[in-house]
C-alpha atoms as a PDB file:
ATOM      1  CA  MET A   1      55.715  57.419 -54.969  1.00  0.00           C
ATOM      2  CA  LEU A   2      56.301  60.078 -52.298  1.00  0.00           C
ATOM      3  CA  VAL A   3      55.367  59.215 -48.699  1.00  0.00           C
ATOM      4  CA  LEU A   4      55.523  61.282 -45.518  1.00  0.00           C
ATOM      5  CA  GLY A   5      56.250  59.161 -42.428  1.00  0.00           C
ATOM      6  CA  ILE A   6      55.302  60.140 -38.867  1.00  0.00           C
ATOM      7  CA  GLU A   7      56.611  58.325 -35.774  1.00  0.00           C
ATOM      8  CA  THR A   8      55.219  59.194 -32.311  1.00  0.00           C
ATOM      9  CA  SER A   9      55.132  55.884 -30.457  1.00  0.00           C
ATOM     10  CA  CYS A  10      57.032  56.941 -27.350  1.00  0.00           C
ATOM     11  CA  ASP A  11      59.459  59.761 -26.540  1.00  0.00           C
ATOM     12  CA  GLU A  12      60.801  60.736 -29.962  1.00  0.00           C
ATOM     13  CA  THR A  13      58.977  62.677 -32.666  1.00  0.00           C
ATOM     14  CA  GLY A  14      60.231  61.578 -36.079  1.00  0.00           C
ATOM     15  CA  VAL A  15      59.126  62.821 -39.489  1.00  0.00           C
ATOM     16  CA  ALA A  16      60.615  61.823 -42.838  1.00  0.00           C
ATOM     17  CA  LEU A  17      59.989  61.986 -46.574  1.00  0.00           C
ATOM     18  CA  TYR A  18      60.691  58.869 -48.631  1.00  0.00           C
ATOM     19  CA  ASP A  19      60.564  58.470 -52.411  1.00  0.00           C
ATOM     20  CA  SER A  20      60.227  54.938 -53.785  1.00  0.00           C
ATOM     21  CA  VAL A  21      62.731  55.750 -56.555  1.00  0.00           C
ATOM     22  CA  ARG A  22      65.127  58.260 -54.982  1.00  0.00           C
ATOM     23  CA  GLY A  23      65.054  56.861 -51.460  1.00  0.00           C
ATOM     24  CA  LEU A  24      65.115  58.926 -48.289  1.00  0.00           C
ATOM     25  CA  LEU A  25      64.894  62.622 -49.145  1.00  0.00           C
ATOM     26  CA  ALA A  26      64.790  64.258 -45.707  1.00  0.00           C
ATOM     27  CA  HIS A  27      64.164  63.412 -42.067  1.00  0.00           C
ATOM     28  CA  GLU A  28      63.961  65.191 -38.731  1.00  0.00           C
ATOM     29  CA  LEU A  29      63.926  63.852 -35.187  1.00  0.00           C
ATOM     30  CA  HIS A  30      63.212  65.476 -31.852  1.00  0.00           C
ATOM     31  CA  SER A  31      64.175  63.511 -28.738  1.00  0.00           C
ATOM     32  CA  GLN A  32      62.464  64.097 -25.394  1.00  0.00           C
ATOM     33  CA  ILE A  33      65.310  62.647 -23.304  1.00  0.00           C
ATOM     34  CA  ALA A  34      66.147  65.948 -21.609  1.00  0.00           C
ATOM     35  CA  MET A  35      62.505  66.461 -20.608  1.00  0.00           C
ATOM     36  CA  HIS A  36      62.111  62.983 -19.061  1.00  0.00           C
ATOM     37  CA  GLN A  37      65.498  62.784 -17.303  1.00  0.00           C
ATOM     38  CA  ALA A  38      64.170  64.511 -14.198  1.00  0.00           C
ATOM     39  CA  TYR A  39      61.652  61.664 -13.753  1.00  0.00           C
ATOM     40  CA  GLY A  40      64.019  58.774 -14.469  1.00  0.00           C
ATOM     41  CA  GLY A  41      61.819  57.519 -17.324  1.00  0.00           C
ATOM     42  CA  VAL A  42      59.155  58.446 -19.836  1.00  0.00           C
ATOM     43  CA  VAL A  43      56.075  60.257 -18.508  1.00  0.00           C
ATOM     44  CA  PRO A  44      53.306  59.384 -21.026  1.00  0.00           C
ATOM     45  CA  GLU A  45      51.273  62.577 -20.655  1.00  0.00           C
ATOM     46  CA  LEU A  46      54.330  64.790 -21.113  1.00  0.00           C
ATOM     47  CA  ALA A  47      55.381  62.732 -24.121  1.00  0.00           C
ATOM     48  CA  SER A  48      51.987  63.138 -25.790  1.00  0.00           C
ATOM     49  CA  ARG A  49      51.879  66.890 -25.236  1.00  0.00           C
ATOM     50  CA  ASP A  50      55.368  67.323 -26.656  1.00  0.00           C
ATOM     51  CA  HIS A  51      54.439  65.371 -29.793  1.00  0.00           C
ATOM     52  CA  VAL A  52      51.542  67.792 -30.306  1.00  0.00           C
ATOM     53  CA  ARG A  53      53.986  70.699 -30.265  1.00  0.00           C
ATOM     54  CA  ARG A  54      56.600  69.108 -32.509  1.00  0.00           C
ATOM     55  CA  VAL A  55      54.988  67.033 -35.248  1.00  0.00           C
ATOM     56  CA  VAL A  56      53.604  69.760 -37.543  1.00  0.00           C
ATOM     57  CA  PRO A  57      56.715  72.015 -37.451  1.00  0.00           C
ATOM     58  CA  LEU A  58      58.912  68.981 -38.123  1.00  0.00           C
ATOM     59  CA  ALA A  59      56.743  68.000 -41.100  1.00  0.00           C
ATOM     60  CA  GLU A  60      57.027  71.514 -42.504  1.00  0.00           C
ATOM     61  CA  THR A  61      60.817  71.417 -42.085  1.00  0.00           C
ATOM     62  CA  VAL A  62      61.099  68.037 -43.815  1.00  0.00           C
ATOM     63  CA  LEU A  63      58.963  69.080 -46.795  1.00  0.00           C
ATOM     64  CA  SER A  64      60.717  72.395 -47.311  1.00  0.00           C
ATOM     65  CA  GLY A  65      64.141  70.802 -46.876  1.00  0.00           C
ATOM     66  CA  ALA A  66      63.367  68.303 -49.638  1.00  0.00           C
ATOM     67  CA  GLY A  67      61.883  70.956 -51.910  1.00  0.00           C
ATOM     68  CA  HIS A  68      58.372  69.525 -51.829  1.00  0.00           C
ATOM     69  CA  VAL A  69      54.909  70.724 -50.811  1.00  0.00           C
ATOM     70  CA  LEU A  70      51.946  68.856 -49.345  1.00  0.00           C
ATOM     71  CA  ALA A  71      50.281  68.525 -52.744  1.00  0.00           C
ATOM     72  CA  ASP A  72      53.198  66.353 -53.922  1.00  0.00           C
ATOM     73  CA  LEU A  73      52.444  63.584 -51.419  1.00  0.00           C
ATOM     74  CA  ASP A  74      51.130  60.208 -52.596  1.00  0.00           C
ATOM     75  CA  GLY A  75      50.503  58.947 -49.068  1.00  0.00           C
ATOM     76  CA  VAL A  76      51.015  59.571 -45.357  1.00  0.00           C
ATOM     77  CA  ALA A  77      52.334  56.764 -43.132  1.00  0.00           C
ATOM     78  CA  TYR A  78      52.170  56.746 -39.352  1.00  0.00           C
ATOM     79  CA  THR A  79      53.027  54.437 -36.476  1.00  0.00           C
ATOM     80  CA  GLN A  80      49.785  52.677 -35.577  1.00  0.00           C
ATOM     81  CA  GLY A  81      51.352  50.660 -32.753  1.00  0.00           C
ATOM     82  CA  PRO A  82      52.649  49.372 -30.483  1.00  0.00           C
ATOM     83  CA  GLY A  83      53.466  52.243 -28.130  1.00  0.00           C
ATOM     84  CA  LEU A  84      51.997  54.726 -25.683  1.00  0.00           C
ATOM     85  CA  ALA A  85      48.322  55.285 -26.480  1.00  0.00           C
ATOM     86  CA  GLY A  86      48.353  59.064 -26.133  1.00  0.00           C
ATOM     87  CA  ALA A  87      51.557  59.428 -28.128  1.00  0.00           C
ATOM     88  CA  LEU A  88      50.268  57.168 -30.907  1.00  0.00           C
ATOM     89  CA  LEU A  89      47.044  59.175 -31.120  1.00  0.00           C
ATOM     90  CA  VAL A  90      48.966  62.340 -31.952  1.00  0.00           C
ATOM     91  CA  GLY A  91      50.659  60.832 -34.996  1.00  0.00           C
ATOM     92  CA  ALA A  92      47.553  58.932 -36.095  1.00  0.00           C
ATOM     93  CA  SER A  93      45.354  62.029 -35.881  1.00  0.00           C
ATOM     94  CA  VAL A  94      47.738  64.266 -37.812  1.00  0.00           C
ATOM     95  CA  ALA A  95      48.462  61.621 -40.460  1.00  0.00           C
ATOM     96  CA  ASN A  96      44.822  60.671 -41.081  1.00  0.00           C
ATOM     97  CA  ALA A  97      43.593  64.262 -41.130  1.00  0.00           C
ATOM     98  CA  LEU A  98      46.345  65.275 -43.521  1.00  0.00           C
ATOM     99  CA  ALA A  99      45.777  62.297 -45.814  1.00  0.00           C
ATOM    100  CA  PHE A 100      42.014  62.878 -45.837  1.00  0.00           C
ATOM    101  CA  ALA A 101      42.485  66.549 -46.700  1.00  0.00           C
ATOM    102  CA  LEU A 102      44.872  65.676 -49.534  1.00  0.00           C
ATOM    103  CA  ASP A 103      42.751  62.722 -50.738  1.00  0.00           C
ATOM    104  CA  VAL A 104      45.707  60.333 -50.492  1.00  0.00           C
ATOM    105  CA  PRO A 105      46.019  57.048 -48.547  1.00  0.00           C
ATOM    106  CA  ALA A 106      46.843  56.961 -44.836  1.00  0.00           C
ATOM    107  CA  ILE A 107      48.965  53.889 -44.045  1.00  0.00           C
ATOM    108  CA  GLY A 108      49.191  52.557 -40.495  1.00  0.00           C
ATOM    109  CA  VAL A 109      52.591  50.960 -39.885  1.00  0.00           C
ATOM    110  CA  HIS A 110      53.670  48.454 -37.256  1.00  0.00           C
ATOM    111  CA  HIS A 111      56.516  50.040 -35.320  1.00  0.00           C
ATOM    112  CA  LEU A 112      58.527  46.819 -35.232  1.00  0.00           C
ATOM    113  CA  GLU A 113      58.178  46.261 -38.961  1.00  0.00           C
ATOM    114  CA  GLY A 114      59.765  49.678 -39.348  1.00  0.00           C
ATOM    115  CA  HIS A 115      62.753  48.540 -37.293  1.00  0.00           C
ATOM    116  CA  LEU A 116      62.823  45.187 -39.067  1.00  0.00           C
ATOM    117  CA  LEU A 117      63.199  46.805 -42.490  1.00  0.00           C
ATOM    118  CA  SER A 118      65.257  49.856 -41.459  1.00  0.00           C
ATOM    119  CA  PRO A 119      68.527  48.440 -42.924  1.00  0.00           C
ATOM    120  CA  LEU A 120      66.873  48.876 -46.344  1.00  0.00           C
ATOM    121  CA  LEU A 121      67.433  52.615 -45.854  1.00  0.00           C
ATOM    122  CA  GLY A 122      71.193  52.175 -46.204  1.00  0.00           C
ATOM    123  CA  GLU A 123      73.740  50.631 -48.520  1.00  0.00           C
ATOM    124  CA  PRO A 124      74.356  47.841 -49.136  1.00  0.00           C
ATOM    125  CA  LYS A 125      70.783  46.655 -48.731  1.00  0.00           C
ATOM    126  CA  PRO A 126      70.250  43.060 -47.559  1.00  0.00           C
ATOM    127  CA  ASP A 127      68.571  40.756 -50.046  1.00  0.00           C
ATOM    128  CA  PHE A 128      65.727  38.497 -48.969  1.00  0.00           C
ATOM    129  CA  PRO A 129      65.645  36.084 -47.236  1.00  0.00           C
ATOM    130  CA  PHE A 130      67.468  36.940 -44.021  1.00  0.00           C
ATOM    131  CA  ILE A 131      67.389  36.402 -40.279  1.00  0.00           C
ATOM    132  CA  ALA A 132      66.427  39.512 -38.315  1.00  0.00           C
ATOM    133  CA  LEU A 133      67.284  40.214 -34.702  1.00  0.00           C
ATOM    134  CA  LEU A 134      64.980  42.871 -33.257  1.00  0.00           C
ATOM    135  CA  VAL A 135      66.643  44.056 -30.067  1.00  0.00           C
ATOM    136  CA  SER A 136      65.281  47.073 -28.211  1.00  0.00           C
ATOM    137  CA  GLY A 137      63.905  48.279 -24.900  1.00  0.00           C
ATOM    138  CA  GLY A 138      60.624  46.479 -25.422  1.00  0.00           C
ATOM    139  CA  HIS A 139      61.430  43.510 -27.668  1.00  0.00           C
ATOM    140  CA  THR A 140      64.119  40.918 -28.288  1.00  0.00           C
ATOM    141  CA  GLN A 141      63.029  38.556 -31.055  1.00  0.00           C
ATOM    142  CA  PHE A 142      64.383  36.551 -33.972  1.00  0.00           C
ATOM    143  CA  PHE A 143      62.499  36.446 -37.275  1.00  0.00           C
ATOM    144  CA  ALA A 144      63.067  34.702 -40.569  1.00  0.00           C
ATOM    145  CA  VAL A 145      62.248  37.366 -43.173  1.00  0.00           C
ATOM    146  CA  HIS A 146      61.322  36.141 -46.663  1.00  0.00           C
ATOM    147  CA  GLY A 147      59.866  39.357 -48.069  1.00  0.00           C
ATOM    148  CA  ILE A 148      57.741  42.357 -47.163  1.00  0.00           C
ATOM    149  CA  GLY A 149      55.120  41.071 -44.713  1.00  0.00           C
ATOM    150  CA  GLU A 150      56.519  37.522 -44.789  1.00  0.00           C
ATOM    151  CA  TYR A 151      57.952  36.983 -41.318  1.00  0.00           C
ATOM    152  CA  ALA A 152      58.334  33.831 -39.226  1.00  0.00           C
ATOM    153  CA  LEU A 153      58.877  34.305 -35.500  1.00  0.00           C
ATOM    154  CA  LEU A 154      61.729  32.014 -34.435  1.00  0.00           C
ATOM    155  CA  GLY A 155      62.498  33.073 -30.883  1.00  0.00           C
ATOM    156  CA  ASP A 156      61.424  35.556 -28.225  1.00  0.00           C
ATOM    157  CA  THR A 157      62.449  36.749 -24.794  1.00  0.00           C
ATOM    158  CA  GLN A 158      60.593  35.028 -21.991  1.00  0.00           C
ATOM    159  CA  ASP A 159      60.687  38.095 -19.723  1.00  0.00           C
ATOM    160  CA  ASP A 160      62.705  41.316 -19.985  1.00  0.00           C
ATOM    161  CA  ALA A 161      63.876  42.529 -23.370  1.00  0.00           C
ATOM    162  CA  ALA A 162      67.618  43.149 -23.682  1.00  0.00           C
ATOM    163  CA  GLY A 163      67.188  46.923 -23.696  1.00  0.00           C
ATOM    164  CA  GLU A 164      64.915  46.750 -20.671  1.00  0.00           C
ATOM    165  CA  ALA A 165      67.546  44.702 -18.834  1.00  0.00           C
ATOM    166  CA  PHE A 166      70.162  47.331 -19.725  1.00  0.00           C
ATOM    167  CA  ASP A 167      67.986  50.117 -18.314  1.00  0.00           C
ATOM    168  CA  LYS A 168      67.085  48.268 -15.106  1.00  0.00           C
ATOM    169  CA  THR A 169      70.690  47.272 -14.448  1.00  0.00           C
ATOM    170  CA  ALA A 170      71.866  50.817 -15.094  1.00  0.00           C
ATOM    171  CA  LYS A 171      69.426  52.018 -12.434  1.00  0.00           C
ATOM    172  CA  LEU A 172      70.824  49.462  -9.961  1.00  0.00           C
ATOM    173  CA  LEU A 173      74.283  50.900 -10.632  1.00  0.00           C
ATOM    174  CA  GLY A 174      73.067  54.440 -10.006  1.00  0.00           C
ATOM    175  CA  LEU A 175      73.312  55.589 -13.621  1.00  0.00           C
ATOM    176  CA  SER A 176      71.119  58.316 -15.068  1.00  0.00           C
ATOM    177  CA  TYR A 177      68.317  57.948 -17.632  1.00  0.00           C
ATOM    178  CA  PRO A 178      68.539  56.714 -20.357  1.00  0.00           C
ATOM    179  CA  GLY A 179      70.350  53.845 -18.701  1.00  0.00           C
ATOM    180  CA  GLY A 180      71.356  51.657 -21.646  1.00  0.00           C
ATOM    181  CA  PRO A 181      73.813  54.057 -23.316  1.00  0.00           C
ATOM    182  CA  ALA A 182      75.143  55.129 -19.915  1.00  0.00           C
ATOM    183  CA  LEU A 183      75.860  51.512 -18.954  1.00  0.00           C
ATOM    184  CA  ALA A 184      77.603  50.828 -22.280  1.00  0.00           C
ATOM    185  CA  THR A 185      79.826  53.869 -21.717  1.00  0.00           C
ATOM    186  CA  LEU A 186      80.660  52.749 -18.176  1.00  0.00           C
ATOM    187  CA  ALA A 187      81.448  49.230 -19.445  1.00  0.00           C
ATOM    188  CA  GLU A 188      84.299  50.616 -21.539  1.00  0.00           C
ATOM    189  CA  ARG A 189      86.262  51.142 -18.290  1.00  0.00           C
ATOM    190  CA  GLY A 190      85.482  47.678 -16.956  1.00  0.00           C
ATOM    191  CA  ARG A 191      88.029  44.851 -16.694  1.00  0.00           C
ATOM    192  CA  PRO A 192      87.141  41.651 -18.565  1.00  0.00           C
ATOM    193  CA  GLY A 193      86.558  38.756 -16.176  1.00  0.00           C
ATOM    194  CA  ALA A 194      86.819  40.834 -13.001  1.00  0.00           C
ATOM    195  CA  VAL A 195      83.356  39.574 -11.995  1.00  0.00           C
ATOM    196  CA  THR A 196      81.200  36.749 -13.294  1.00  0.00           C
ATOM    197  CA  LEU A 197      77.564  36.753 -14.415  1.00  0.00           C
ATOM    198  CA  PRO A 198      75.500  33.932 -15.977  1.00  0.00           C
ATOM    199  CA  ARG A 199      74.609  33.617 -19.675  1.00  0.00           C
ATOM    200  CA  PRO A 200      70.888  32.751 -19.357  1.00  0.00           C
ATOM    201  CA  MET A 201      69.510  30.241 -21.873  1.00  0.00           C
ATOM    202  CA  LYS A 202      72.624  30.478 -24.039  1.00  0.00           C
ATOM    203  CA  ASP A 203      72.647  26.706 -24.454  1.00  0.00           C
ATOM    204  CA  SER A 204      68.892  26.104 -24.191  1.00  0.00           C
ATOM    205  CA  GLY A 205      68.693  24.453 -27.616  1.00  0.00           C
ATOM    206  CA  ASP A 206      66.103  26.897 -28.924  1.00  0.00           C
ATOM    207  CA  LEU A 207      66.070  30.550 -29.954  1.00  0.00           C
ATOM    208  CA  ASN A 208      64.281  31.896 -26.884  1.00  0.00           C
ATOM    209  CA  MET A 209      65.996  34.182 -24.371  1.00  0.00           C
ATOM    210  CA  SER A 210      65.697  35.387 -20.773  1.00  0.00           C
ATOM    211  CA  PHE A 211      67.375  38.443 -19.265  1.00  0.00           C
ATOM    212  CA  SER A 212      65.516  39.227 -16.024  1.00  0.00           C
ATOM    213  CA  GLY A 213      67.821  36.933 -14.011  1.00  0.00           C
ATOM    214  CA  LEU A 214      70.827  39.029 -14.978  1.00  0.00           C
ATOM    215  CA  LYS A 215      69.348  41.983 -13.136  1.00  0.00           C
ATOM    216  CA  THR A 216      69.002  39.837  -9.993  1.00  0.00           C
ATOM    217  CA  ALA A 217      72.579  38.603 -10.384  1.00  0.00           C
ATOM    218  CA  VAL A 218      73.819  42.200 -10.618  1.00  0.00           C
ATOM    219  CA  LEU A 219      71.882  43.068  -7.455  1.00  0.00           C
ATOM    220  CA  THR A 220      73.559  40.157  -5.666  1.00  0.00           C
ATOM    221  CA  LEU A 221      77.012  41.275  -6.817  1.00  0.00           C
ATOM    222  CA  SER A 222      76.355  44.843  -5.749  1.00  0.00           C
ATOM    223  CA  ARG A 223      75.673  43.690  -2.165  1.00  0.00           C
ATOM    224  CA  ARG A 224      78.792  41.557  -1.767  1.00  0.00           C
ATOM    225  CA  GLU A 225      81.351  44.357  -1.696  1.00  0.00           C
ATOM    226  CA  PRO A 226      81.424  48.157  -1.476  1.00  0.00           C
ATOM    227  CA  MET A 227      80.431  49.697  -4.810  1.00  0.00           C
ATOM    228  CA  THR A 228      83.420  51.689  -6.039  1.00  0.00           C
ATOM    229  CA  ASP A 229      83.603  53.336  -9.449  1.00  0.00           C
ATOM    230  CA  GLN A 230      85.840  50.541 -10.717  1.00  0.00           C
ATOM    231  CA  ARG A 231      83.577  47.769  -9.398  1.00  0.00           C
ATOM    232  CA  ASN A 232      80.583  49.434 -11.057  1.00  0.00           C
ATOM    233  CA  ALA A 233      82.528  49.520 -14.322  1.00  0.00           C
ATOM    234  CA  ASP A 234      83.530  45.858 -13.945  1.00  0.00           C
ATOM    235  CA  ILE A 235      79.915  44.818 -13.354  1.00  0.00           C
ATOM    236  CA  ALA A 236      78.749  46.912 -16.317  1.00  0.00           C
ATOM    237  CA  ARG A 237      81.393  45.272 -18.544  1.00  0.00           C
ATOM    238  CA  GLU A 238      80.420  41.762 -17.486  1.00  0.00           C
ATOM    239  CA  PHE A 239      76.722  42.522 -17.843  1.00  0.00           C
ATOM    240  CA  GLU A 240      77.178  43.854 -21.371  1.00  0.00           C
ATOM    241  CA  ASP A 241      79.388  40.870 -22.286  1.00  0.00           C
ATOM    242  CA  ALA A 242      76.727  38.462 -20.963  1.00  0.00           C
ATOM    243  CA  ILE A 243      73.976  40.047 -23.062  1.00  0.00           C
ATOM    244  CA  VAL A 244      76.164  40.121 -26.156  1.00  0.00           C
ATOM    245  CA  ASP A 245      77.327  36.511 -25.710  1.00  0.00           C
ATOM    246  CA  VAL A 246      73.720  35.293 -25.585  1.00  0.00           C
ATOM    247  CA  LEU A 247      72.575  37.366 -28.568  1.00  0.00           C
ATOM    248  CA  VAL A 248      75.547  36.326 -30.715  1.00  0.00           C
ATOM    249  CA  ALA A 249      75.105  32.631 -29.870  1.00  0.00           C
ATOM    250  CA  LYS A 250      71.377  32.762 -30.649  1.00  0.00           C
ATOM    251  CA  ALA A 251      71.953  34.697 -33.880  1.00  0.00           C
ATOM    252  CA  LEU A 252      74.419  32.101 -35.149  1.00  0.00           C
ATOM    253  CA  ALA A 253      72.019  29.320 -34.164  1.00  0.00           C
ATOM    254  CA  ALA A 254      69.191  31.040 -36.069  1.00  0.00           C
ATOM    255  CA  LEU A 255      71.307  31.341 -39.221  1.00  0.00           C
ATOM    256  CA  ASP A 256      72.265  27.681 -38.964  1.00  0.00           C
ATOM    257  CA  ALA A 257      68.710  26.502 -38.266  1.00  0.00           C
ATOM    258  CA  LYS A 258      67.339  28.223 -41.361  1.00  0.00           C
ATOM    259  CA  GLY A 259      70.371  27.708 -43.589  1.00  0.00           C
ATOM    260  CA  MET A 260      70.707  31.458 -44.229  1.00  0.00           C
ATOM    261  CA  THR A 261      73.806  33.613 -44.578  1.00  0.00           C
ATOM    262  CA  ARG A 262      72.386  37.102 -44.000  1.00  0.00           C
ATOM    263  CA  LEU A 263      71.636  38.609 -40.594  1.00  0.00           C
ATOM    264  CA  VAL A 264      69.916  41.954 -39.993  1.00  0.00           C
ATOM    265  CA  VAL A 265      70.150  43.616 -36.580  1.00  0.00           C
ATOM    266  CA  ALA A 266      67.698  46.420 -35.784  1.00  0.00           C
ATOM    267  CA  GLY A 267      66.351  48.323 -32.783  1.00  0.00           C
ATOM    268  CA  GLY A 268      67.961  50.593 -30.227  1.00  0.00           C
ATOM    269  CA  VAL A 269      70.345  47.984 -28.772  1.00  0.00           C
ATOM    270  CA  GLY A 270      71.559  47.398 -32.335  1.00  0.00           C
ATOM    271  CA  ALA A 271      73.621  50.574 -31.877  1.00  0.00           C
ATOM    272  CA  ASN A 272      75.682  48.915 -29.124  1.00  0.00           C
ATOM    273  CA  ARG A 273      79.276  48.868 -30.312  1.00  0.00           C
ATOM    274  CA  THR A 274      80.246  45.651 -28.525  1.00  0.00           C
ATOM    275  CA  LEU A 275      77.317  43.787 -30.068  1.00  0.00           C
ATOM    276  CA  ARG A 276      78.178  45.129 -33.519  1.00  0.00           C
ATOM    277  CA  SER A 277      81.845  44.198 -33.325  1.00  0.00           C
ATOM    278  CA  GLN A 278      81.152  40.684 -32.020  1.00  0.00           C
ATOM    279  CA  LEU A 279      78.528  39.957 -34.666  1.00  0.00           C
ATOM    280  CA  LEU A 280      80.738  41.308 -37.450  1.00  0.00           C
ATOM    281  CA  ALA A 281      83.636  39.116 -36.331  1.00  0.00           C
ATOM    282  CA  THR A 282      81.669  35.912 -35.833  1.00  0.00           C
ATOM    283  CA  THR A 283      79.556  36.129 -38.990  1.00  0.00           C
ATOM    284  CA  SER A 284      82.604  36.994 -41.109  1.00  0.00           C
ATOM    285  CA  ALA A 285      84.403  33.905 -39.805  1.00  0.00           C
ATOM    286  CA  LEU A 286      81.442  31.797 -40.974  1.00  0.00           C
ATOM    287  CA  GLY A 287      81.178  33.443 -44.395  1.00  0.00           C
ATOM    288  CA  ALA A 288      77.914  35.163 -43.476  1.00  0.00           C
ATOM    289  CA  GLN A 289      76.958  38.842 -43.671  1.00  0.00           C
ATOM    290  CA  VAL A 290      75.485  41.111 -41.014  1.00  0.00           C
ATOM    291  CA  PHE A 291      73.608  44.327 -41.799  1.00  0.00           C
ATOM    292  CA  PHE A 292      72.945  47.187 -39.398  1.00  0.00           C
ATOM    293  CA  PRO A 293      70.895  50.330 -39.963  1.00  0.00           C
ATOM    294  CA  GLU A 294      72.829  53.559 -39.612  1.00  0.00           C
ATOM    295  CA  THR A 295      73.151  54.486 -35.943  1.00  0.00           C
ATOM    296  CA  GLN A 296      70.685  57.360 -36.372  1.00  0.00           C
ATOM    297  CA  PHE A 297      68.061  54.861 -37.577  1.00  0.00           C
ATOM    298  CA  CYS A 298      68.522  52.340 -34.746  1.00  0.00           C
ATOM    299  CA  THR A 299      66.302  54.287 -32.371  1.00  0.00           C
ATOM    300  CA  ASP A 300      62.745  55.362 -33.216  1.00  0.00           C
ATOM    301  CA  ASN A 301      62.605  57.524 -36.335  1.00  0.00           C
ATOM    302  CA  GLY A 302      60.257  58.660 -39.083  1.00  0.00           C
ATOM    303  CA  ALA A 303      62.435  57.344 -41.899  1.00  0.00           C
ATOM    304  CA  MET A 304      61.639  53.696 -41.201  1.00  0.00           C
ATOM    305  CA  ILE A 305      57.908  54.500 -41.028  1.00  0.00           C
ATOM    306  CA  ALA A 306      58.016  56.368 -44.339  1.00  0.00           C
ATOM    307  CA  LEU A 307      59.942  53.463 -45.907  1.00  0.00           C
ATOM    308  CA  VAL A 308      57.423  50.812 -44.830  1.00  0.00           C
ATOM    309  CA  GLY A 309      54.560  53.118 -45.816  1.00  0.00           C
ATOM    310  CA  ALA A 310      55.976  53.426 -49.335  1.00  0.00           C
ATOM    311  CA  LEU A 311      56.488  49.660 -49.604  1.00  0.00           C
ATOM    312  CA  ARG A 312      52.963  48.984 -48.345  1.00  0.00           C
ATOM    313  CA  LEU A 313      51.446  51.616 -50.606  1.00  0.00           C
ATOM    314  CA  ARG A 314      53.194  50.170 -53.637  1.00  0.00           C
ATOM    315  CA  ALA A 315      51.767  46.770 -52.692  1.00  0.00           C
ATOM    316  CA  GLY A 316      48.245  48.216 -52.634  1.00  0.00           C
ATOM    317  CA  ALA A 317      47.711  48.789 -48.908  1.00  0.00           C
ATOM    318  CA  PRO A 318      44.181  50.072 -48.191  1.00  0.00           C
ATOM    319  CA  SER A 319      43.381  53.323 -46.401  1.00  0.00           C
ATOM    320  CA  ASP A 320      40.427  53.690 -44.054  1.00  0.00           C
ATOM    321  CA  TYR A 321      41.065  57.038 -42.303  1.00  0.00           C
ATOM    322  CA  ALA A 322      39.997  55.271 -39.127  1.00  0.00           C
ATOM    323  CA  PHE A 323      42.312  57.060 -36.676  1.00  0.00           C
ATOM    324  CA  THR A 324      42.837  53.656 -35.075  1.00  0.00           C
ATOM    325  CA  ILE A 325      45.822  52.891 -32.893  1.00  0.00           C
ATOM    326  CA  ARG A 326      47.062  49.609 -31.403  1.00  0.00           C
ATOM    327  CA  PRO A 327      49.103  50.265 -28.226  1.00  0.00           C
ATOM    328  CA  ARG A 328      49.564  46.508 -27.738  1.00  0.00           C
ATOM    329  CA  TRP A 329      50.225  44.853 -31.077  1.00  0.00           C
ATOM    330  CA  GLU A 330      52.403  41.806 -31.585  1.00  0.00           C
ATOM    331  CA  LEU A 331      54.150  41.680 -34.942  1.00  0.00           C
ATOM    332  CA  ALA A 332      53.435  37.948 -34.986  1.00  0.00           C
ATOM    333  CA  SER A 333      49.699  38.736 -35.118  1.00  0.00           C
ATOM    334  CA  MET A 334      49.944  40.469 -38.499  1.00  0.00           C
ATOM    335  CA  SER A 335      48.588  38.758 -41.583  1.00  0.00           C
ATOM    336  CA  GLY A 336      51.226  36.642 -43.298  1.00  0.00           C
ATOM    337  CA  VAL A 337      53.361  36.252 -40.160  1.00  0.00           C
ATOM    338  CA  THR A 338      54.096  32.736 -38.960  1.00  0.00           C
ATOM    339  CA  ARG A 339      53.838  32.197 -35.233  1.00  0.00           C
ATOM    340  CA  LEU A 340      56.543  30.675 -33.077  1.00  0.00           C
ATOM    341  CA  ALA A 341      54.930  27.223 -32.867  1.00  0.00           C
ATOM    342  CA  ASP A 342      54.917  26.885 -36.657  1.00  0.00           C
ATOM    343  CA  ALA A 343      58.325  28.484 -37.145  1.00  0.00           C
ATOM    344  CA  ARG A 344      60.075  25.894 -34.966  1.00  0.00           C
ATOM    345  CA  ASP A 345      59.944  23.397 -37.819  1.00  0.00           C
ATOM    346  CA  PRO A 346      63.256  23.953 -39.671  1.00  0.00           C
ATOM    347  CA  ARG A 347      61.619  22.725 -42.887  1.00  0.00           C
ATOM    348  CA  SER A 348      59.170  25.667 -42.844  1.00  0.00           C
ATOM    349  CA  HIS A 349      59.733  28.709 -45.068  1.00  0.00           C
ATOM    350  CA  GLN A 350      62.958  27.549 -46.641  1.00  0.00           C
END
């Protein structure tokens, strides 16, 4: 089963070709970071126009690189949501038109499900069930994953996502866009314990999180003393350590609450080296395993969309050629997903 995947939810155009037997055959990604840097963030209209320019040439490159032609496709998957409306429309329009012309299914994919299952692109693949930590610029959530489409929401951020907190704090420290990677790089020069920041909700007794207060705490620190390069680095180090401490503590609590021994970490913040090293160390000490997607698949990409499209197609997903998009779409609202209120019961979904 050969599926072309198209990702255009925000500021990266990703196209990939996935075979249900041979795995990922080819993928291409164009990032718009350089274009948006002048504005300090993503400009939706510019993002949409750039997707229009990139998506078809990238698809042609992927197909030719894998030695396939359009007629070989069994389906076309695309990101249906969540994301920027104009950007989503580009991928949805191309995918549905192409699928209709080829008389093959068009499969709308939830962007977060793509991230959730992205570790299945690598080796070793995690077996079901597992705990998943989705940690990105827009979401920080814990799920119990029992199979394809069988997800129980265990915990969520009450305000800013971890990636959003990284970006906002980076801006406070005068760092350039994109702020998260820049802050992580600056943190490498910071001195452990030179400044102190809180660990919000670390000991709250549930799996929910809150990160907006960290931004306020950084602002307070920045006003106490002159901001030298070293003080900026110290604050960045402490900020990163605070985020990581909370995520690690919550991840271990989620594994314990559900009696599981496998943890999957996905999303852009999953590429953070400090988070990876801390989770590897702590889970290993407990006899548990942690799985990360390859770094290139942590951020938005077409490979994860093609993967989920192939899995959905194999399971008999319908195609309606509806060109529909869902800019605001909670993963917990999908059919078969247990909401937070139900997932709190530790006896559920064992």
